[in-house]
Amino acid sequence: MVMSLDLKNQIEKARHNLHMLVEHHEGGLGHPDVIRQSMALDELINEYNRMNRNQTRA
């Protein structure tokens, strides 16, 4: 699962970036940068879930 490991690393990096943005914007969860990063993280998590779902069915 090299692709899965790479995706896990991308998710962890995106999660870290989100955390840093929230701190930078003093907890401002509604700040456009925070929302944008949150959406990017959501997409990575959705992709990971799709991959796992497809592997489970195979």
N, C-alpha and C. Protein backbone atom coordinates (compact mmCIF):
# COMPACT_ATOMS: atom_id res chain seq x y z
N MET A 1 0.80 -1.19 0.00
CA MET A 1 0.00 0.00 0.00
C MET A 1 0.85 1.27 0.00
N VAL A 2 1.74 1.40 -0.98
CA VAL A 2 2.59 2.59 -1.05
C VAL A 2 1.73 3.82 -1.25
N MET A 3 0.74 3.72 -2.12
CA MET A 3 -0.14 4.85 -2.37
C MET A 3 -0.89 5.24 -1.10
N SER A 4 -1.32 4.23 -0.36
CA SER A 4 -2.04 4.49 0.88
C SER A 4 -1.13 5.18 1.90
N LEU A 5 0.12 4.75 1.99
CA LEU A 5 1.06 5.37 2.92
C LEU A 5 1.32 6.81 2.52
N ASP A 6 1.49 7.07 1.23
CA ASP A 6 1.69 8.44 0.74
C ASP A 6 0.48 9.30 1.07
N LEU A 7 -0.69 8.76 0.87
CA LEU A 7 -1.92 9.50 1.17
C LEU A 7 -2.04 9.77 2.66
N LYS A 8 -1.67 8.79 3.48
CA LYS A 8 -1.68 9.01 4.93
C LYS A 8 -0.74 10.15 5.31
N ASN A 9 0.42 10.20 4.68
CA ASN A 9 1.37 11.28 4.95
C ASN A 9 0.80 12.63 4.52
N GLN A 10 0.12 12.67 3.38
CA GLN A 10 -0.50 13.90 2.92
C GLN A 10 -1.59 14.36 3.89
N ILE A 11 -2.35 13.40 4.40
CA ILE A 11 -3.41 13.72 5.37
C ILE A 11 -2.79 14.30 6.63
N GLU A 12 -1.74 13.67 7.11
CA GLU A 12 -1.10 14.15 8.33
C GLU A 12 -0.52 15.56 8.14
N LYS A 13 0.08 15.81 6.99
CA LYS A 13 0.62 17.14 6.70
C LYS A 13 -0.51 18.17 6.63
N ALA A 14 -1.61 17.82 5.97
CA ALA A 14 -2.75 18.74 5.86
C ALA A 14 -3.36 19.00 7.23
N ARG A 15 -3.44 17.97 8.07
CA ARG A 15 -3.97 18.13 9.42
C ARG A 15 -3.09 19.07 10.24
N HIS A 16 -1.78 18.88 10.11
CA HIS A 16 -0.83 19.75 10.82
C HIS A 16 -0.97 21.20 10.33
N ASN A 17 -1.07 21.38 9.02
CA ASN A 17 -1.22 22.73 8.46
C ASN A 17 -2.51 23.38 8.95
N LEU A 18 -3.57 22.60 9.05
CA LEU A 18 -4.84 23.14 9.55
C LEU A 18 -4.67 23.60 11.00
N HIS A 19 -4.04 22.78 11.80
CA HIS A 19 -3.81 23.13 13.20
C HIS A 19 -3.00 24.43 13.31
N MET A 20 -1.96 24.55 12.49
CA MET A 20 -1.12 25.74 12.52
C MET A 20 -1.90 26.98 12.09
N LEU A 21 -2.76 26.84 11.09
CA LEU A 21 -3.57 27.97 10.64
C LEU A 21 -4.55 28.43 11.71
N VAL A 22 -5.15 27.48 12.40
CA VAL A 22 -6.09 27.83 13.48
C VAL A 22 -5.34 28.60 14.56
N GLU A 23 -4.15 28.13 14.92
CA GLU A 23 -3.35 28.85 15.92
C GLU A 23 -2.97 30.24 15.41
N HIS A 24 -2.55 30.32 14.16
CA HIS A 24 -2.13 31.60 13.58
C HIS A 24 -3.27 32.61 13.58
N HIS A 25 -4.46 32.13 13.31
CA HIS A 25 -5.64 33.02 13.26
C HIS A 25 -6.37 33.03 14.60
N GLU A 26 -5.66 32.68 15.66
CA GLU A 26 -6.16 32.76 17.04
C GLU A 26 -7.51 32.08 17.21
N GLY A 27 -7.59 30.85 16.71
CA GLY A 27 -8.81 30.07 16.88
C GLY A 27 -9.92 30.44 15.93
N GLY A 28 -9.63 31.26 14.95
CA GLY A 28 -10.64 31.71 14.01
C GLY A 28 -11.02 30.62 13.01
N LEU A 29 -11.96 29.77 13.42
CA LEU A 29 -12.35 28.65 12.56
C LEU A 29 -13.07 29.12 11.30
N GLY A 30 -13.59 30.33 11.31
CA GLY A 30 -14.30 30.85 10.15
C GLY A 30 -13.42 31.61 9.18
N HIS A 31 -12.12 31.71 9.48
CA HIS A 31 -11.20 32.43 8.59
C HIS A 31 -11.11 31.68 7.26
N PRO A 32 -11.12 32.40 6.14
CA PRO A 32 -11.08 31.75 4.83
C PRO A 32 -9.91 30.77 4.64
N ASP A 33 -8.74 31.08 5.18
CA ASP A 33 -7.60 30.17 5.06
C ASP A 33 -7.85 28.87 5.80
N VAL A 34 -8.47 28.97 6.97
CA VAL A 34 -8.77 27.78 7.77
C VAL A 34 -9.81 26.92 7.06
N ILE A 35 -10.84 27.56 6.55
CA ILE A 35 -11.88 26.83 5.83
C ILE A 35 -11.31 26.14 4.59
N ARG A 36 -10.47 26.84 3.86
CA ARG A 36 -9.85 26.28 2.66
C ARG A 36 -9.01 25.05 3.01
N GLN A 37 -8.22 25.15 4.07
CA GLN A 37 -7.38 24.02 4.47
C GLN A 37 -8.22 22.86 4.99
N SER A 38 -9.29 23.19 5.70
CA SER A 38 -10.19 22.16 6.20
C SER A 38 -10.83 21.39 5.04
N MET A 39 -11.20 22.10 4.00
CA MET A 39 -11.79 21.46 2.82
C MET A 39 -10.77 20.58 2.11
N ALA A 40 -9.53 21.03 2.04
CA ALA A 40 -8.47 20.23 1.42
C ALA A 40 -8.25 18.94 2.22
N LEU A 41 -8.25 19.06 3.54
CA LEU A 41 -8.10 17.88 4.40
C LEU A 41 -9.29 16.93 4.20
N ASP A 42 -10.48 17.47 4.14
CA ASP A 42 -11.67 16.64 3.91
C ASP A 42 -11.54 15.84 2.61
N GLU A 43 -11.07 16.48 1.57
CA GLU A 43 -10.92 15.79 0.28
C GLU A 43 -9.92 14.64 0.37
N LEU A 44 -8.81 14.87 1.06
CA LEU A 44 -7.82 13.80 1.23
C LEU A 44 -8.41 12.63 2.03
N ILE A 45 -9.14 12.95 3.08
CA ILE A 45 -9.76 11.90 3.88
C ILE A 45 -10.80 11.14 3.07
N ASN A 46 -11.58 11.85 2.27
CA ASN A 46 -12.56 11.19 1.39
C ASN A 46 -11.88 10.26 0.40
N GLU A 47 -10.77 10.71 -0.17
CA GLU A 47 -10.02 9.88 -1.12
C GLU A 47 -9.50 8.62 -0.44
N TYR A 48 -8.98 8.79 0.77
CA TYR A 48 -8.48 7.65 1.53
C TYR A 48 -9.62 6.66 1.81
N ASN A 49 -10.76 7.16 2.22
CA ASN A 49 -11.90 6.29 2.49
C ASN A 49 -12.38 5.57 1.23
N ARG A 50 -12.39 6.26 0.09
CA ARG A 50 -12.78 5.62 -1.17
C ARG A 50 -11.82 4.49 -1.52
N MET A 51 -10.53 4.74 -1.34
CA MET A 51 -9.53 3.71 -1.63
C MET A 51 -9.75 2.48 -0.75
N ASN A 52 -9.95 2.70 0.53
CA ASN A 52 -10.16 1.58 1.46
C ASN A 52 -11.44 0.83 1.15
N ARG A 53 -12.48 1.55 0.79
CA ARG A 53 -13.76 0.91 0.45
C ARG A 53 -13.60 0.03 -0.79
N ASN A 54 -12.87 0.53 -1.79
CA ASN A 54 -12.68 -0.24 -3.02
C ASN A 54 -11.80 -1.45 -2.78
N GLN A 55 -10.81 -1.35 -1.91
CA GLN A 55 -9.94 -2.50 -1.62
C GLN A 55 -10.69 -3.56 -0.83
N THR A 56 -11.61 -3.14 0.01
CA THR A 56 -12.39 -4.07 0.81
C THR A 56 -13.33 -4.88 -0.09
N ARG A 57 -13.85 -4.25 -1.11
CA ARG A 57 -14.79 -4.92 -2.03
C ARG A 57 -14.08 -5.87 -2.97
N ALA A 58 -12.81 -5.63 -3.24
CA ALA A 58 -12.08 -6.46 -4.22
C ALA A 58 -11.73 -7.82 -3.67
